[in-house]
């Protein structure tokens, strides 16, 4: 796995507007914790406090290096407004050129 990049995914509240979400993502990029963030609107259906919820959210996929992954996850946890935010991650193989770009 020589060209491995990490994808960290979270969601943000749907009541945030696109500019607010963009600024949140830009702060991660400005902190040099990631190379890029993809932003998409989504609807999440889940059980919370014994009730089924369906709510609009922003789905954020962030591409980062292994060396920045833990600090990025810590930043998301410390800044997130949810009691239990979705923070999941996985590694993906990429081209050498994309890997080099993500590494900075």
PDB file of N, CA and C in Angstrom:
ATOM      1  N   UNK A   1       0.848  -1.197   0.000  1.00  0.00           N
ATOM      2  CA  UNK A   1       0.000   0.000   0.000  1.00  0.00           C
ATOM      3  C   UNK A   1       0.883   1.246   0.000  1.00  0.00           C
ATOM      4  N   UNK A   2       1.644   1.410  -1.044  1.00  0.00           N
ATOM      5  CA  UNK A   2       2.581   2.513  -1.108  1.00  0.00           C
ATOM      6  C   UNK A   2       1.976   3.865  -1.412  1.00  0.00           C
ATOM      7  N   UNK A   3       0.824   3.907  -2.060  1.00  0.00           N
ATOM      8  CA  UNK A   3       0.186   5.183  -2.417  1.00  0.00           C
ATOM      9  C   UNK A   3      -1.149   5.328  -1.691  1.00  0.00           C
ATOM     10  N   UNK A   4      -1.128   5.126  -0.377  1.00  0.00           N
ATOM     11  CA  UNK A   4      -2.353   5.136   0.417  1.00  0.00           C
ATOM     12  C   UNK A   4      -2.681   6.540   0.905  1.00  0.00           C
ATOM     13  N   UNK A   5      -3.899   6.963   0.635  1.00  0.00           N
ATOM     14  CA  UNK A   5      -4.426   8.207   1.210  1.00  0.00           C
ATOM     15  C   UNK A   5      -5.551   7.822   2.160  1.00  0.00           C
ATOM     16  N   UNK A   6      -5.837   8.683   3.089  1.00  0.00           N
ATOM     17  CA  UNK A   6      -6.894   8.446   4.065  1.00  0.00           C
ATOM     18  C   UNK A   6      -8.074   9.349   3.759  1.00  0.00           C
ATOM     19  N   UNK A   7      -9.261   8.784   3.876  1.00  0.00           N
ATOM     20  CA  UNK A   7     -10.496   9.531   3.705  1.00  0.00           C
ATOM     21  C   UNK A   7     -11.184   9.549   5.060  1.00  0.00           C
ATOM     22  N   UNK A   8     -11.405  10.742   5.579  1.00  0.00           N
ATOM     23  CA  UNK A   8     -12.115  10.925   6.847  1.00  0.00           C
ATOM     24  C   UNK A   8     -13.452  11.549   6.493  1.00  0.00           C
ATOM     25  N   UNK A   9     -14.515  10.934   6.964  1.00  0.00           N
ATOM     26  CA  UNK A   9     -15.859  11.412   6.628  1.00  0.00           C
ATOM     27  C   UNK A   9     -16.601  11.827   7.890  1.00  0.00           C
ATOM     28  N   UNK A  10     -17.316  12.923   7.772  1.00  0.00           N
ATOM     29  CA  UNK A  10     -18.177  13.394   8.848  1.00  0.00           C
ATOM     30  C   UNK A  10     -19.410  14.038   8.219  1.00  0.00           C
ATOM     31  N   UNK A  11     -20.344  14.405   9.047  1.00  0.00           N
ATOM     32  CA  UNK A  11     -21.499  15.171   8.587  1.00  0.00           C
ATOM     33  C   UNK A  11     -21.604  16.432   9.431  1.00  0.00           C
ATOM     34  N   UNK A  12     -22.174  17.463   8.838  1.00  0.00           N
ATOM     35  CA  UNK A  12     -22.453  18.711   9.548  1.00  0.00           C
ATOM     36  C   UNK A  12     -23.942  18.977   9.475  1.00  0.00           C
ATOM     37  N   UNK A  13     -24.465  19.753  10.421  1.00  0.00           N
ATOM     38  CA  UNK A  13     -25.910  20.019  10.449  1.00  0.00           C
ATOM     39  C   UNK A  13     -26.405  20.665   9.157  1.00  0.00           C
ATOM     40  N   UNK A  14     -27.562  20.226   8.703  1.00  0.00           N
ATOM     41  CA  UNK A  14     -28.154  20.729   7.473  1.00  0.00           C
ATOM     42  C   UNK A  14     -28.585  22.176   7.536  1.00  0.00           C
ATOM     43  N   UNK A  15     -28.773  22.700   8.755  1.00  0.00           N
ATOM     44  CA  UNK A  15     -29.188  24.103   8.842  1.00  0.00           C
ATOM     45  C   UNK A  15     -28.053  25.081   8.575  1.00  0.00           C
ATOM     46  N   UNK A  16     -26.816  24.576   8.525  1.00  0.00           N
ATOM     47  CA  UNK A  16     -25.707  25.443   8.119  1.00  0.00           C
ATOM     48  C   UNK A  16     -25.854  25.762   6.641  1.00  0.00           C
ATOM     49  N   UNK A  17     -25.482  26.976   6.254  1.00  0.00           N
ATOM     50  CA  UNK A  17     -25.543  27.291   4.823  1.00  0.00           C
ATOM     51  C   UNK A  17     -24.226  26.895   4.154  1.00  0.00           C
ATOM     52  N   UNK A  18     -24.231  26.927   2.841  1.00  0.00           N
ATOM     53  CA  UNK A  18     -23.066  26.461   2.079  1.00  0.00           C
ATOM     54  C   UNK A  18     -21.804  27.245   2.417  1.00  0.00           C
ATOM     55  N   UNK A  19     -21.935  28.544   2.655  1.00  0.00           N
ATOM     56  CA  UNK A  19     -20.763  29.361   2.998  1.00  0.00           C
ATOM     57  C   UNK A  19     -20.178  28.938   4.346  1.00  0.00           C
ATOM     58  N   UNK A  20     -21.039  28.649   5.325  1.00  0.00           N
ATOM     59  CA  UNK A  20     -20.557  28.218   6.639  1.00  0.00           C
ATOM     60  C   UNK A  20     -19.827  26.878   6.551  1.00  0.00           C
ATOM     61  N   UNK A  21     -20.392  25.965   5.787  1.00  0.00           N
ATOM     62  CA  UNK A  21     -19.750  24.662   5.604  1.00  0.00           C
ATOM     63  C   UNK A  21     -18.426  24.834   4.864  1.00  0.00           C
ATOM     64  N   UNK A  22     -18.416  25.688   3.861  1.00  0.00           N
ATOM     65  CA  UNK A  22     -17.192  25.959   3.125  1.00  0.00           C
ATOM     66  C   UNK A  22     -16.107  26.541   4.016  1.00  0.00           C
ATOM     67  N   UNK A  23     -16.488  27.447   4.905  1.00  0.00           N
ATOM     68  CA  UNK A  23     -15.506  28.041   5.826  1.00  0.00           C
ATOM     69  C   UNK A  23     -14.974  26.986   6.800  1.00  0.00           C
ATOM     70  N   UNK A  24     -15.842  26.094   7.274  1.00  0.00           N
ATOM     71  CA  UNK A  24     -15.417  25.027   8.180  1.00  0.00           C
ATOM     72  C   UNK A  24     -14.387  24.137   7.478  1.00  0.00           C
ATOM     73  N   UNK A  25     -14.684  23.765   6.235  1.00  0.00           N
ATOM     74  CA  UNK A  25     -13.757  22.931   5.465  1.00  0.00           C
ATOM     75  C   UNK A  25     -12.467  23.682   5.162  1.00  0.00           C
ATOM     76  N   UNK A  26     -12.575  24.954   4.841  1.00  0.00           N
ATOM     77  CA  UNK A  26     -11.383  25.744   4.543  1.00  0.00           C
ATOM     78  C   UNK A  26     -10.469  25.827   5.757  1.00  0.00           C
ATOM     79  N   UNK A  27     -11.032  25.875   6.965  1.00  0.00           N
ATOM     80  CA  UNK A  27     -10.193  25.935   8.167  1.00  0.00           C
ATOM     81  C   UNK A  27      -9.358  24.662   8.309  1.00  0.00           C
ATOM     82  N   UNK A  28      -9.902  23.536   7.859  1.00  0.00           N
ATOM     83  CA  UNK A  28      -9.133  22.282   7.882  1.00  0.00           C
ATOM     84  C   UNK A  28      -7.999  22.338   6.865  1.00  0.00           C
ATOM     85  N   UNK A  29      -8.303  22.843   5.679  1.00  0.00           N
ATOM     86  CA  UNK A  29      -7.274  22.962   4.649  1.00  0.00           C
ATOM     87  C   UNK A  29      -6.214  23.982   5.084  1.00  0.00           C
ATOM     88  N   UNK A  30      -6.668  25.127   5.636  1.00  0.00           N
ATOM     89  CA  UNK A  30      -5.735  26.156   6.118  1.00  0.00           C
ATOM     90  C   UNK A  30      -4.821  25.629   7.223  1.00  0.00           C
ATOM     91  N   UNK A  31      -5.314  24.670   8.011  1.00  0.00           N
ATOM     92  CA  UNK A  31      -4.522  24.081   9.098  1.00  0.00           C
ATOM     93  C   UNK A  31      -3.521  23.048   8.593  1.00  0.00           C
ATOM     94  N   UNK A  32      -3.501  22.831   7.275  1.00  0.00           N
ATOM     95  CA  UNK A  32      -2.623  21.832   6.654  1.00  0.00           C
ATOM     96  C   UNK A  32      -2.880  20.423   7.172  1.00  0.00           C
ATOM     97  N   UNK A  33      -4.139  20.141   7.538  1.00  0.00           N
ATOM     98  CA  UNK A  33      -4.498  18.808   8.009  1.00  0.00           C
ATOM     99  C   UNK A  33      -5.054  17.935   6.894  1.00  0.00           C
ATOM    100  N   UNK A  34      -5.322  18.524   5.747  1.00  0.00           N
ATOM    101  CA  UNK A  34      -5.891  17.768   4.635  1.00  0.00           C
ATOM    102  C   UNK A  34      -5.587  18.478   3.326  1.00  0.00           C
ATOM    103  N   UNK A  35      -5.688  17.710   2.242  1.00  0.00           N
ATOM    104  CA  UNK A  35      -5.461  18.267   0.906  1.00  0.00           C
ATOM    105  C   UNK A  35      -6.741  18.823   0.315  1.00  0.00           C
ATOM    106  N   UNK A  36      -7.869  18.161   0.581  1.00  0.00           N
ATOM    107  CA  UNK A  36      -9.129  18.645   0.029  1.00  0.00           C
ATOM    108  C   UNK A  36     -10.304  18.076   0.800  1.00  0.00           C
ATOM    109  N   UNK A  37     -11.449  18.708   0.617  1.00  0.00           N
ATOM    110  CA  UNK A  37     -12.697  18.252   1.242  1.00  0.00           C
ATOM    111  C   UNK A  37     -13.802  18.337   0.202  1.00  0.00           C
ATOM    112  N   UNK A  38     -14.554  17.272   0.078  1.00  0.00           N
ATOM    113  CA  UNK A  38     -15.719  17.240  -0.806  1.00  0.00           C
ATOM    114  C   UNK A  38     -16.969  17.474   0.031  1.00  0.00           C
ATOM    115  N   UNK A  39     -17.834  18.337  -0.455  1.00  0.00           N
ATOM    116  CA  UNK A  39     -19.034  18.744   0.280  1.00  0.00           C
ATOM    117  C   UNK A  39     -20.262  18.351  -0.534  1.00  0.00           C
ATOM    118  N   UNK A  40     -21.188  17.615   0.105  1.00  0.00           N
ATOM    119  CA  UNK A  40     -22.426  17.225  -0.570  1.00  0.00           C
ATOM    120  C   UNK A  40     -23.585  17.305   0.410  1.00  0.00           C
ATOM    121  N   UNK A  41     -24.732  17.721  -0.092  1.00  0.00           N
ATOM    122  CA  UNK A  41     -25.960  17.671   0.715  1.00  0.00           C
ATOM    123  C   UNK A  41     -26.463  16.233   0.736  1.00  0.00           C
ATOM    124  N   UNK A  42     -27.013  15.825   1.863  1.00  0.00           N
ATOM    125  CA  UNK A  42     -27.552  14.482   2.006  1.00  0.00           C
ATOM    126  C   UNK A  42     -28.700  14.496   3.007  1.00  0.00           C
ATOM    127  N   UNK A  43     -29.423  13.425   3.076  1.00  0.00           N
ATOM    128  CA  UNK A  43     -30.428  13.226   4.115  1.00  0.00           C
ATOM    129  C   UNK A  43     -30.031  11.988   4.894  1.00  0.00           C
ATOM    130  N   UNK A  44     -29.947  12.114   6.210  1.00  0.00           N
ATOM    131  CA  UNK A  44     -29.593  10.984   7.060  1.00  0.00           C
ATOM    132  C   UNK A  44     -30.833  10.498   7.793  1.00  0.00           C
ATOM    133  N   UNK A  45     -31.002   9.191   7.832  1.00  0.00           N
ATOM    134  CA  UNK A  45     -32.082   8.557   8.568  1.00  0.00           C
ATOM    135  C   UNK A  45     -31.425   7.708   9.648  1.00  0.00           C
ATOM    136  N   UNK A  46     -31.812   7.931  10.911  1.00  0.00           N
ATOM    137  CA  UNK A  46     -31.129   7.269  12.018  1.00  0.00           C
ATOM    138  C   UNK A  46     -32.027   7.239  13.249  1.00  0.00           C
ATOM    139  N   UNK A  47     -31.641   6.410  14.197  1.00  0.00           N
ATOM    140  CA  UNK A  47     -32.344   6.338  15.481  1.00  0.00           C
ATOM    141  C   UNK A  47     -31.556   7.161  16.493  1.00  0.00           C
ATOM    142  N   UNK A  48     -32.242   8.066  17.165  1.00  0.00           N
ATOM    143  CA  UNK A  48     -31.611   8.889  18.206  1.00  0.00           C
ATOM    144  C   UNK A  48     -32.596   9.024  19.350  1.00  0.00           C
ATOM    145  N   UNK A  49     -32.158   8.605  20.537  1.00  0.00           N
ATOM    146  CA  UNK A  49     -32.999   8.650  21.745  1.00  0.00           C
ATOM    147  C   UNK A  49     -34.346   7.966  21.496  1.00  0.00           C
ATOM    148  N   UNK A  50     -34.264   6.759  20.956  1.00  0.00           N
ATOM    149  CA  UNK A  50     -35.426   5.885  20.715  1.00  0.00           C
ATOM    150  C   UNK A  50     -36.428   6.430  19.708  1.00  0.00           C
ATOM    151  N   UNK A  51     -36.029   7.384  18.891  1.00  0.00           N
ATOM    152  CA  UNK A  51     -36.904   7.887  17.839  1.00  0.00           C
ATOM    153  C   UNK A  51     -36.169   7.860  16.505  1.00  0.00           C
ATOM    154  N   UNK A  52     -36.916   7.523  15.453  1.00  0.00           N
ATOM    155  CA  UNK A  52     -36.351   7.561  14.107  1.00  0.00           C
ATOM    156  C   UNK A  52     -36.347   9.012  13.631  1.00  0.00           C
ATOM    157  N   UNK A  53     -35.195   9.453  13.170  1.00  0.00           N
ATOM    158  CA  UNK A  53     -35.019  10.814  12.682  1.00  0.00           C
ATOM    159  C   UNK A  53     -34.705  10.779  11.187  1.00  0.00           C
ATOM    160  N   UNK A  54     -35.112  11.788  10.484  1.00  0.00           N
ATOM    161  CA  UNK A  54     -34.716  12.000   9.092  1.00  0.00           C
ATOM    162  C   UNK A  54     -34.399  13.479   8.970  1.00  0.00           C
ATOM    163  N   UNK A  55     -33.139  13.764   8.703  1.00  0.00           N
ATOM    164  CA  UNK A  55     -32.724  15.162   8.745  1.00  0.00           C
ATOM    165  C   UNK A  55     -31.718  15.474   7.638  1.00  0.00           C
ATOM    166  N   UNK A  56     -31.815  16.671   7.059  1.00  0.00           N
ATOM    167  CA  UNK A  56     -30.801  17.071   6.080  1.00  0.00           C
ATOM    168  C   UNK A  56     -29.473  17.333   6.781  1.00  0.00           C
ATOM    169  N   UNK A  57     -28.406  16.965   6.107  1.00  0.00           N
ATOM    170  CA  UNK A  57     -27.060  17.189   6.621  1.00  0.00           C
ATOM    171  C   UNK A  57     -26.129  17.489   5.453  1.00  0.00           C
ATOM    172  N   UNK A  58     -24.940  17.873   5.794  1.00  0.00           N
ATOM    173  CA  UNK A  58     -23.849  18.018   4.831  1.00  0.00           C
ATOM    174  C   UNK A  58     -22.911  16.844   5.030  1.00  0.00           C
ATOM    175  N   UNK A  59     -22.635  16.100   3.977  1.00  0.00           N
ATOM    176  CA  UNK A  59     -21.688  14.996   4.021  1.00  0.00           C
ATOM    177  C   UNK A  59     -20.334  15.533   3.575  1.00  0.00           C
ATOM    178  N   UNK A  60     -19.329  15.366   4.422  1.00  0.00           N
ATOM    179  CA  UNK A  60     -17.999  15.904   4.147  1.00  0.00           C
ATOM    180  C   UNK A  60     -17.002  14.739   4.074  1.00  0.00           C
ATOM    181  N   UNK A  61     -16.320  14.608   2.949  1.00  0.00           N
ATOM    182  CA  UNK A  61     -15.234  13.637   2.806  1.00  0.00           C
ATOM    183  C   UNK A  61     -13.935  14.406   2.665  1.00  0.00           C
ATOM    184  N   UNK A  62     -13.008  14.102   3.554  1.00  0.00           N
ATOM    185  CA  UNK A  62     -11.756  14.842   3.637  1.00  0.00           C
ATOM    186  C   UNK A  62     -10.605  13.897   3.305  1.00  0.00           C
ATOM    187  N   UNK A  63      -9.747  14.300   2.357  1.00  0.00           N
ATOM    188  CA  UNK A  63      -8.589  13.493   1.972  1.00  0.00           C
ATOM    189  C   UNK A  63      -7.367  13.998   2.725  1.00  0.00           C
ATOM    190  N   UNK A  64      -6.698  13.055   3.408  1.00  0.00           N
ATOM    191  CA  UNK A  64      -5.559  13.435   4.231  1.00  0.00           C
ATOM    192  C   UNK A  64      -4.489  12.357   4.196  1.00  0.00           C
ATOM    193  N   UNK A  65      -3.368  12.667   4.806  1.00  0.00           N
ATOM    194  CA  UNK A  65      -2.261  11.714   4.906  1.00  0.00           C
ATOM    195  C   UNK A  65      -2.373  10.953   6.222  1.00  0.00           C
ATOM    196  N   UNK A  66      -1.689   9.826   6.297  1.00  0.00           N
ATOM    197  CA  UNK A  66      -1.691   9.059   7.546  1.00  0.00           C
ATOM    198  C   UNK A  66      -1.119   9.886   8.695  1.00  0.00           C
ATOM    199  N   UNK A  67      -0.117  10.698   8.407  1.00  0.00           N
ATOM    200  CA  UNK A  67       0.515  11.492   9.466  1.00  0.00           C
ATOM    201  C   UNK A  67      -0.408  12.586  10.012  1.00  0.00           C
ATOM    202  N   UNK A  68      -1.410  13.025   9.245  1.00  0.00           N
ATOM    203  CA  UNK A  68      -2.336  14.073   9.705  1.00  0.00           C
ATOM    204  C   UNK A  68      -3.681  13.536  10.192  1.00  0.00           C
ATOM    205  N   UNK A  69      -3.932  12.249   9.991  1.00  0.00           N
ATOM    206  CA  UNK A  69      -5.259  11.676  10.261  1.00  0.00           C
ATOM    207  C   UNK A  69      -5.705  11.876  11.713  1.00  0.00           C
ATOM    208  N   UNK A  70      -4.878  11.556  12.678  1.00  0.00           N
ATOM    209  CA  UNK A  70      -5.280  11.632  14.091  1.00  0.00           C
ATOM    210  C   UNK A  70      -5.555  13.078  14.504  1.00  0.00           C
ATOM    211  N   UNK A  71      -4.699  13.999  14.091  1.00  0.00           N
ATOM    212  CA  UNK A  71      -4.911  15.415  14.423  1.00  0.00           C
ATOM    213  C   UNK A  71      -6.183  15.951  13.754  1.00  0.00           C
ATOM    214  N   UNK A  72      -6.453  15.521  12.531  1.00  0.00           N
ATOM    215  CA  UNK A  72      -7.678  15.919  11.837  1.00  0.00           C
ATOM    216  C   UNK A  72      -8.902  15.414  12.590  1.00  0.00           C
ATOM    217  N   UNK A  73      -8.884  14.162  13.009  1.00  0.00           N
ATOM    218  CA  UNK A  73     -10.006  13.597  13.766  1.00  0.00           C
ATOM    219  C   UNK A  73     -10.198  14.365  15.070  1.00  0.00           C
ATOM    220  N   UNK A  74      -9.133  14.707  15.748  1.00  0.00           N
ATOM    221  CA  UNK A  74      -9.221  15.493  16.990  1.00  0.00           C
ATOM    222  C   UNK A  74      -9.846  16.856  16.743  1.00  0.00           C
ATOM    223  N   UNK A  75      -9.456  17.500  15.642  1.00  0.00           N
ATOM    224  CA  UNK A  75     -10.019  18.812  15.304  1.00  0.00           C
ATOM    225  C   UNK A  75     -11.519  18.697  15.054  1.00  0.00           C
ATOM    226  N   UNK A  76     -11.927  17.679  14.305  1.00  0.00           N
ATOM    227  CA  UNK A  76     -13.359  17.491  14.030  1.00  0.00           C
ATOM    228  C   UNK A  76     -14.108  17.294  15.344  1.00  0.00           C
ATOM    229  N   UNK A  77     -13.601  16.414  16.215  1.00  0.00           N
ATOM    230  CA  UNK A  77     -14.258  16.157  17.507  1.00  0.00           C
ATOM    231  C   UNK A  77     -14.392  17.435  18.332  1.00  0.00           C
ATOM    232  N   UNK A  78     -13.333  18.229  18.371  1.00  0.00           N
ATOM    233  CA  UNK A  78     -13.341  19.421  19.234  1.00  0.00           C
ATOM    234  C   UNK A  78     -14.249  20.529  18.711  1.00  0.00           C
ATOM    235  N   UNK A  79     -14.490  20.564  17.397  1.00  0.00           N
ATOM    236  CA  UNK A  79     -15.278  21.648  16.810  1.00  0.00           C
ATOM    237  C   UNK A  79     -16.713  21.256  16.479  1.00  0.00           C
ATOM    238  N   UNK A  80     -17.046  19.976  16.584  1.00  0.00           N
ATOM    239  CA  UNK A  80     -18.340  19.500  16.107  1.00  0.00           C
ATOM    240  C   UNK A  80     -19.451  19.844  17.091  1.00  0.00           C
ATOM    241  N   UNK A  81     -20.623  20.168  16.557  1.00  0.00           N
ATOM    242  CA  UNK A  81     -21.752  20.548  17.405  1.00  0.00           C
ATOM    243  C   UNK A  81     -22.596  19.356  17.865  1.00  0.00           C
ATOM    244  N   UNK A  82     -22.428  18.197  17.255  1.00  0.00           N
ATOM    245  CA  UNK A  82     -23.215  17.016  17.632  1.00  0.00           C
ATOM    246  C   UNK A  82     -22.643  16.354  18.886  1.00  0.00           C
ATOM    247  N   UNK A  83     -23.534  15.748  19.682  1.00  0.00           N
ATOM    248  CA  UNK A  83     -23.090  14.971  20.844  1.00  0.00           C
ATOM    249  C   UNK A  83     -22.254  13.774  20.398  1.00  0.00           C
ATOM    250  N   UNK A  84     -22.707  13.119  19.335  1.00  0.00           N
ATOM    251  CA  UNK A  84     -22.005  11.955  18.792  1.00  0.00           C
ATOM    252  C   UNK A  84     -21.870  12.150  17.283  1.00  0.00           C
ATOM    253  N   UNK A  85     -20.850  12.884  16.861  1.00  0.00           N
ATOM    254  CA  UNK A  85     -20.705  13.116  15.419  1.00  0.00           C
ATOM    255  C   UNK A  85     -20.259  11.854  14.688  1.00  0.00           C
ATOM    256  N   UNK A  86     -20.684  11.743  13.444  1.00  0.00           N
ATOM    257  CA  UNK A  86     -20.151  10.684  12.589  1.00  0.00           C
ATOM    258  C   UNK A  86     -18.722  11.072  12.239  1.00  0.00           C
ATOM    259  N   UNK A  87     -17.790  10.227  12.623  1.00  0.00           N
ATOM    260  CA  UNK A  87     -16.404  10.380  12.195  1.00  0.00           C
ATOM    261  C   UNK A  87     -15.929   8.980  11.857  1.00  0.00           C
ATOM    262  N   UNK A  88     -15.802   8.723  10.565  1.00  0.00           N
ATOM    263  CA  UNK A  88     -15.320   7.426  10.110  1.00  0.00           C
ATOM    264  C   UNK A  88     -14.174   7.657   9.141  1.00  0.00           C
ATOM    265  N   UNK A  89     -13.330   6.663   8.987  1.00  0.00           N
ATOM    266  CA  UNK A  89     -12.199   6.817   8.077  1.00  0.00           C
ATOM    267  C   UNK A  89     -11.806   5.469   7.493  1.00  0.00           C
ATOM    268  N   UNK A  90     -11.185   5.559   6.348  1.00  0.00           N
ATOM    269  CA  UNK A  90     -10.671   4.376   5.679  1.00  0.00           C
ATOM    270  C   UNK A  90      -9.541   4.815   4.759  1.00  0.00           C
ATOM    271  N   UNK A  91      -8.711   3.847   4.393  1.00  0.00           N
ATOM    272  CA  UNK A  91      -7.618   4.159   3.475  1.00  0.00           C
ATOM    273  C   UNK A  91      -8.006   3.717   2.065  1.00  0.00           C
ATOM    274  N   UNK A  92      -7.419   4.382   1.107  1.00  0.00           N
ATOM    275  CA  UNK A  92      -7.684   4.086  -0.301  1.00  0.00           C
ATOM    276  C   UNK A  92      -6.378   4.179  -1.070  1.00  0.00           C
ATOM    277  N   UNK A  93      -6.220   3.294  -2.013  1.00  0.00           N
ATOM    278  CA  UNK A  93      -5.080   3.361  -2.916  1.00  0.00           C
ATOM    279  C   UNK A  93      -5.327   4.473  -3.927  1.00  0.00           C
ATOM    280  N   UNK A  94      -4.266   5.110  -4.357  1.00  0.00           N
ATOM    281  CA  UNK A  94      -4.399   6.187  -5.340  1.00  0.00           C
ATOM    282  C   UNK A  94      -3.208   6.146  -6.292  1.00  0.00           C
ATOM    283  N   UNK A  95      -3.277   6.999  -7.282  1.00  0.00           N
ATOM    284  CA  UNK A  95      -2.113   7.153  -8.142  1.00  0.00           C
ATOM    285  C   UNK A  95      -0.983   7.788  -7.339  1.00  0.00           C
ATOM    286  N   UNK A  96       0.230   7.590  -7.792  1.00  0.00           N
ATOM    287  CA  UNK A  96       1.373   8.197  -7.105  1.00  0.00           C
ATOM    288  C   UNK A  96       1.263   9.716  -7.113  1.00  0.00           C
ATOM    289  N   UNK A  97       0.789  10.281  -8.225  1.00  0.00           N
ATOM    290  CA  UNK A  97       0.667  11.739  -8.328  1.00  0.00           C
ATOM    291  C   UNK A  97      -0.335  12.284  -7.304  1.00  0.00           C
ATOM    292  N   UNK A  98      -1.469  11.616  -7.160  1.00  0.00           N
ATOM    293  CA  UNK A  98      -2.474  12.091  -6.190  1.00  0.00           C
ATOM    294  C   UNK A  98      -1.952  11.890  -4.763  1.00  0.00           C
ATOM    295  N   UNK A  99      -1.339  10.761  -4.507  1.00  0.00           N
ATOM    296  CA  UNK A  99      -0.727  10.500  -3.198  1.00  0.00           C
ATOM    297  C   UNK A  99       0.272  11.602  -2.850  1.00  0.00           C
ATOM    298  N   UNK A 100       1.151  11.930  -3.774  1.00  0.00           N
ATOM    299  CA  UNK A 100       2.160  12.975  -3.530  1.00  0.00           C
ATOM    300  C   UNK A 100       1.491  14.307  -3.218  1.00  0.00           C
ATOM    301  N   UNK A 101       0.409  14.620  -3.927  1.00  0.00           N
ATOM    302  CA  UNK A 101      -0.306  15.878  -3.702  1.00  0.00           C
ATOM    303  C   UNK A 101      -0.939  15.893  -2.308  1.00  0.00           C
ATOM    304  N   UNK A 102      -1.560  14.793  -1.910  1.00  0.00           N
ATOM    305  CA  UNK A 102      -2.180  14.709  -0.578  1.00  0.00           C
ATOM    306  C   UNK A 102      -1.124  14.834   0.517  1.00  0.00           C
ATOM    307  N   UNK A 103       0.035  14.257   0.280  1.00  0.00           N
ATOM    308  CA  UNK A 103       1.101  14.341   1.274  1.00  0.00           C
ATOM    309  C   UNK A 103       1.606  15.756   1.492  1.00  0.00           C
ATOM    310  N   UNK A 104       1.362  16.625   0.508  1.00  0.00           N
ATOM    311  CA  UNK A 104       1.776  18.019   0.622  1.00  0.00           C
ATOM    312  C   UNK A 104       3.141  18.204   0.111  1.00  0.00           C
TER     313      UNK A 104
END
